[in-house]
Amino acid sequence: MSHARKILKYEMQNLLRSRWLIGTAVILFAVTEVLFRFGGDPARTIASLVNIVLVVIPLMSVVLGTIYFYNSREFNELLLAQPVNRTSIYLGKLIGFAAALCVAFLAGLGGPFLIHSYGLRAHIGELLTLFGIGCALIVIFVSLAFYAATRFEDRIKGLGLTLAAWFFLTVIWDGLILLYVHIFRDYPYEGGLLGLVFLNPVDLGRITILLQLDISALMGYTGAVFQKAFGTAHGHTLAAFAMVIYATVPVLFGLRTFRRKDF
């Protein structure tokens, strides 16, 4: 796997100097700084950043990941002409891109928290959870983007698939959960509700962050159900394992497609 490490290192060095990645970090920094200016409190700022992490970060990951892989097609063909196996090429590029995007994400959101560090110690757990969920979603959606870009030659089809997946997981899925709760409101629906949450990494991340912010009481009976399921060490371990599965599955599918693809 030495070739994979070399490709990963090259990808990160190249991406960290790119204007679009620096611009992404600057935009995230500016948004977080504005939230600090208006909120003036780390807890309020973290709560305000939840939707950005759960909606904007996955969207950014799928769009940038898909476009980047299509644009690097010629470089991929050059690497394939060398004595380098396809697994090293695919994993090196994917991990390098996801890692560079995580660096931009952490630098953009973390910078204002370092500047306004007063009162931050009491909320360090919430902040680390927010960063952890954000990085996990970046890896998951970048893996999905790379798979789509490998699967389809047409850029429109590849980008359309990733955008459809993002829209389904961030918007439509919540509507399906509300419909489920409405239909089965007169029956014990806890088990099915927890199953639906585990089937969506975005919802799983949302519940984890909200429970860490200790505002589950605002969700009423549903919050009590989530607190019981996710508020223990076993629940945290199960949620982390589910996130790993969601990141691994598209990587395996993308790697299998990349190995068989005729460039």
Protein backbone atom coordinates (compact mmCIF):
# COMPACT_ATOMS: atom_id res chain seq x y z
CA MET A 1 0.00 0.00 0.00
CA SER A 2 3.01 2.30 -0.33
CA HIS A 3 1.63 3.55 -3.65
CA ALA A 4 -1.65 4.43 -1.95
CA ARG A 5 0.19 6.48 0.68
CA LYS A 6 2.15 8.33 -1.99
CA ILE A 7 -1.00 9.12 -3.96
CA LEU A 8 -2.78 10.18 -0.76
CA LYS A 9 0.08 12.50 0.17
CA TYR A 10 0.16 14.02 -3.30
CA GLU A 11 -3.60 14.53 -3.36
CA MET A 12 -3.63 16.26 0.02
CA GLN A 13 -0.71 18.54 -0.84
CA ASN A 14 -2.31 19.45 -4.15
CA LEU A 15 -5.79 20.00 -2.71
CA LEU A 16 -4.72 22.01 0.33
CA ARG A 17 -3.17 24.55 -2.04
CA SER A 18 -6.26 24.75 -4.25
CA ARG A 19 -8.32 27.94 -4.24
CA TRP A 20 -11.68 26.20 -4.00
CA LEU A 21 -10.69 24.36 -0.83
CA ILE A 22 -9.28 27.51 0.75
CA GLY A 23 -12.44 29.35 -0.32
CA THR A 24 -14.57 26.66 1.33
CA ALA A 25 -12.68 27.05 4.60
CA VAL A 26 -12.98 30.85 4.42
CA ILE A 27 -16.75 30.67 3.84
CA LEU A 28 -17.25 28.28 6.76
CA PHE A 29 -15.07 30.52 8.93
CA ALA A 30 -17.11 33.60 7.98
CA VAL A 31 -20.44 31.88 8.69
CA THR A 32 -19.27 30.63 12.07
CA GLU A 33 -17.84 34.03 12.96
CA VAL A 34 -21.14 35.72 12.09
CA LEU A 35 -23.03 33.24 14.28
CA PHE A 36 -20.66 34.05 17.13
CA ARG A 37 -21.22 37.78 16.62
CA PHE A 38 -25.00 37.42 16.77
CA GLY A 39 -25.20 34.61 19.34
CA GLY A 40 -22.24 35.47 21.50
CA ASP A 41 -22.28 32.06 23.14
CA PRO A 42 -20.58 28.77 22.15
CA ALA A 43 -23.70 26.70 22.92
CA ARG A 44 -25.92 28.82 20.66
CA THR A 45 -23.32 28.82 17.93
CA ILE A 46 -22.98 25.04 18.04
CA ALA A 47 -26.76 24.64 17.89
CA SER A 48 -26.92 27.02 14.91
CA LEU A 49 -24.21 25.07 13.09
CA VAL A 50 -26.11 21.77 13.29
CA ASN A 51 -28.10 22.35 10.09
CA ILE A 52 -24.98 23.50 8.24
CA VAL A 53 -23.15 20.33 9.22
CA LEU A 54 -26.11 18.06 8.41
CA VAL A 55 -27.24 19.69 5.16
CA VAL A 56 -24.58 21.95 3.63
CA ILE A 57 -21.53 19.77 4.36
CA PRO A 58 -23.01 16.63 2.69
CA LEU A 59 -24.11 18.73 -0.30
CA MET A 60 -20.66 20.26 -0.61
CA SER A 61 -19.06 16.81 -0.33
CA VAL A 62 -21.10 15.16 -3.08
CA VAL A 63 -20.83 18.07 -5.52
CA LEU A 64 -17.12 18.73 -5.06
CA GLY A 65 -16.28 15.02 -4.88
CA THR A 66 -18.13 14.18 -8.10
CA ILE A 67 -16.70 17.13 -10.04
CA TYR A 68 -13.18 16.46 -8.76
CA PHE A 69 -13.20 12.80 -9.79
CA TYR A 70 -14.47 13.59 -13.27
CA ASN A 71 -11.89 16.35 -13.70
CA SER A 72 -9.05 14.03 -12.63
CA ARG A 73 -9.88 11.40 -15.25
CA GLU A 74 -6.75 12.12 -17.33
CA PHE A 75 -4.55 11.89 -14.24
CA ASN A 76 -6.20 8.59 -13.34
CA GLU A 77 -5.42 7.23 -16.80
CA LEU A 78 -1.79 8.32 -16.39
CA LEU A 79 -1.56 6.47 -13.09
CA LEU A 80 -3.16 3.39 -14.60
CA ALA A 81 -0.41 3.32 -17.22
CA GLN A 82 2.14 2.96 -14.41
CA PRO A 83 2.89 -0.22 -12.40
CA VAL A 84 0.36 0.78 -9.74
CA ASN A 85 -2.63 -1.39 -8.81
CA ARG A 86 -6.09 0.10 -9.08
CA THR A 87 -6.90 -0.35 -5.42
CA SER A 88 -4.03 1.95 -4.41
CA ILE A 89 -5.10 4.58 -6.94
CA TYR A 90 -8.75 4.61 -5.88
CA LEU A 91 -8.18 4.51 -2.13
CA GLY A 92 -5.34 7.03 -2.31
CA LYS A 93 -7.44 9.55 -4.20
CA LEU A 94 -10.57 8.99 -2.10
CA ILE A 95 -8.86 9.19 1.29
CA GLY A 96 -6.72 12.13 0.18
CA PHE A 97 -9.75 14.10 -1.02
CA ALA A 98 -11.86 13.30 2.03
CA ALA A 99 -8.98 14.16 4.38
CA ALA A 100 -8.35 17.51 2.66
CA LEU A 101 -12.05 18.35 2.85
CA CYS A 102 -12.09 17.44 6.55
CA VAL A 103 -9.13 19.77 7.13
CA ALA A 104 -10.99 22.64 5.44
CA PHE A 105 -14.12 21.83 7.46
CA LEU A 106 -12.28 21.72 10.79
CA ALA A 107 -10.25 24.85 10.04
CA GLY A 108 -13.31 26.81 8.90
CA LEU A 109 -15.56 25.91 11.82
CA GLY A 110 -12.85 25.55 14.43
CA GLY A 111 -11.09 28.86 13.83
CA PRO A 112 -13.78 31.10 15.39
CA PHE A 113 -14.08 28.77 18.38
CA LEU A 114 -10.35 29.23 19.03
CA ILE A 115 -10.73 33.00 18.74
CA HIS A 116 -13.80 33.12 21.00
CA SER A 117 -12.58 30.46 23.39
CA TYR A 118 -14.20 31.93 26.52
CA GLY A 119 -16.70 29.51 28.03
CA LEU A 120 -15.75 26.84 25.50
CA ARG A 121 -14.48 24.31 28.04
CA ALA A 122 -18.02 23.58 29.22
CA HIS A 123 -19.10 22.74 25.66
CA ILE A 124 -16.06 20.85 24.39
CA GLY A 125 -18.03 17.59 24.23
CA GLU A 126 -20.71 19.12 22.00
CA LEU A 127 -18.09 20.70 19.76
CA LEU A 128 -16.13 17.47 19.34
CA THR A 129 -19.37 15.62 18.53
CA LEU A 130 -20.23 18.23 15.91
CA PHE A 131 -16.79 17.94 14.33
CA GLY A 132 -16.88 14.15 14.45
CA ILE A 133 -20.30 13.90 12.79
CA GLY A 134 -19.24 16.45 10.15
CA CYS A 135 -16.10 14.51 9.24
CA ALA A 136 -18.06 11.23 9.17
CA LEU A 137 -20.63 12.71 6.78
CA ILE A 138 -17.83 14.07 4.58
CA VAL A 139 -16.32 10.58 4.26
CA ILE A 140 -19.72 8.99 3.58
CA PHE A 141 -20.81 11.45 0.89
CA VAL A 142 -17.38 11.66 -0.75
CA SER A 143 -17.42 7.86 -1.00
CA LEU A 144 -20.86 8.07 -2.61
CA ALA A 145 -19.63 10.78 -5.02
CA PHE A 146 -16.59 8.74 -6.08
CA TYR A 147 -18.77 5.68 -6.65
CA ALA A 148 -21.21 7.62 -8.84
CA ALA A 149 -18.38 9.22 -10.82
CA THR A 150 -16.81 5.79 -11.36
CA ARG A 151 -20.10 4.14 -12.27
CA PHE A 152 -21.27 6.66 -14.90
CA GLU A 153 -19.28 8.11 -17.78
CA ASP A 154 -21.79 10.94 -18.20
CA ARG A 155 -21.11 13.74 -15.71
CA ILE A 156 -24.78 14.76 -15.64
CA LYS A 157 -25.85 11.27 -14.63
CA GLY A 158 -23.17 10.98 -11.96
CA LEU A 159 -23.88 14.38 -10.45
CA GLY A 160 -27.63 13.81 -10.73
CA LEU A 161 -27.38 10.55 -8.80
CA THR A 162 -25.38 12.12 -5.97
CA LEU A 163 -27.71 15.11 -5.72
CA ALA A 164 -30.74 12.81 -5.70
CA ALA A 165 -29.17 10.73 -2.90
CA TRP A 166 -28.40 13.89 -0.91
CA PHE A 167 -31.94 15.24 -1.38
CA PHE A 168 -33.49 11.93 -0.38
CA LEU A 169 -31.38 11.54 2.77
CA THR A 170 -31.65 15.16 3.98
CA VAL A 171 -35.18 16.16 2.95
CA ILE A 172 -37.45 13.33 1.81
CA TRP A 173 -36.41 10.95 4.58
CA ASP A 174 -37.64 13.31 7.29
CA GLY A 175 -41.00 13.46 5.54
CA LEU A 176 -41.16 9.66 5.50
CA ILE A 177 -40.44 9.55 9.24
CA LEU A 178 -43.20 12.09 9.93
CA LEU A 179 -45.58 10.04 7.79
CA TYR A 180 -44.62 6.88 9.68
CA VAL A 181 -45.22 8.54 13.06
CA HIS A 182 -48.59 9.90 11.85
CA ILE A 183 -49.80 6.54 10.52
CA PHE A 184 -48.71 4.50 13.55
CA ARG A 185 -49.35 7.14 16.22
CA ASP A 186 -51.89 4.87 17.93
CA TYR A 187 -49.48 1.93 18.04
CA PRO A 188 -46.07 1.31 19.65
CA TYR A 189 -43.80 2.74 16.97
CA GLU A 190 -40.52 3.06 18.89
CA GLY A 191 -38.79 0.08 17.27
CA GLY A 192 -39.67 1.10 13.73
CA LEU A 193 -38.68 4.70 14.39
CA LEU A 194 -35.26 3.70 15.68
CA GLY A 195 -34.83 1.43 12.67
CA LEU A 196 -35.61 4.30 10.29
CA VAL A 197 -33.10 6.55 12.08
CA PHE A 198 -30.37 3.92 11.79
CA LEU A 199 -31.04 3.60 8.06
CA ASN A 200 -30.04 7.23 7.43
CA PRO A 201 -26.58 8.55 8.43
CA VAL A 202 -27.81 12.15 8.37
CA ASP A 203 -30.63 11.44 10.82
CA LEU A 204 -28.28 9.35 12.92
CA GLY A 205 -25.87 12.28 13.10
CA ARG A 206 -28.68 14.70 13.93
CA ILE A 207 -29.94 12.63 16.85
CA THR A 208 -26.40 12.14 18.19
CA ILE A 209 -25.72 15.88 18.15
CA LEU A 210 -29.08 16.83 19.67
CA LEU A 211 -28.62 14.36 22.51
CA GLN A 212 -25.13 15.71 23.13
CA LEU A 213 -26.60 19.22 23.31
CA ASP A 214 -28.94 17.88 26.02
CA ILE A 215 -32.10 19.18 24.38
CA SER A 216 -33.83 15.83 23.89
CA ALA A 217 -36.53 16.97 26.33
CA LEU A 218 -37.74 19.39 23.65
CA MET A 219 -38.60 16.41 21.44
CA GLY A 220 -41.09 15.04 23.97
CA TYR A 221 -41.77 11.30 23.99
CA THR A 222 -39.67 10.78 20.86
CA GLY A 223 -36.74 12.44 22.60
CA ALA A 224 -37.11 10.05 25.53
CA VAL A 225 -37.01 7.10 23.12
CA PHE A 226 -33.85 8.40 21.47
CA GLN A 227 -32.27 9.17 24.84
CA LYS A 228 -32.87 5.60 25.95
CA ALA A 229 -31.46 4.12 22.75
CA PHE A 230 -28.51 6.46 22.09
CA GLY A 231 -27.75 7.93 25.51
CA THR A 232 -25.66 4.98 26.66
CA ALA A 233 -22.17 3.79 25.78
CA HIS A 234 -23.75 0.87 23.90
CA GLY A 235 -25.86 3.29 21.88
CA HIS A 236 -22.85 5.45 21.01
CA THR A 237 -20.90 2.38 19.91
CA LEU A 238 -23.78 1.16 17.76
CA ALA A 239 -24.17 4.58 16.13
CA ALA A 240 -20.44 4.78 15.41
CA PHE A 241 -20.50 1.28 13.92
CA ALA A 242 -23.43 2.26 11.68
CA MET A 243 -21.49 5.32 10.45
CA VAL A 244 -18.53 3.10 9.59
CA ILE A 245 -20.82 0.79 7.61
CA TYR A 246 -22.31 3.71 5.67
CA ALA A 247 -18.80 4.91 4.76
CA THR A 248 -17.51 1.44 3.88
CA VAL A 249 -20.30 0.21 1.60
CA PRO A 250 -19.97 2.90 -1.14
CA VAL A 251 -16.16 2.56 -0.95
CA LEU A 252 -16.39 -1.17 -1.66
CA PHE A 253 -18.88 -0.66 -4.51
CA GLY A 254 -16.78 2.12 -6.00
CA LEU A 255 -13.58 0.09 -5.69
CA ARG A 256 -15.22 -2.92 -7.35
CA THR A 257 -16.45 -0.73 -10.23
CA PHE A 258 -13.08 1.02 -10.60
CA ARG A 259 -11.24 -2.31 -10.81
CA ARG A 260 -13.50 -3.54 -13.61
CA LYS A 261 -13.81 -0.27 -15.50
CA ASP A 262 -12.28 -0.06 -18.97
CA PHE A 263 -10.61 3.36 -19.17
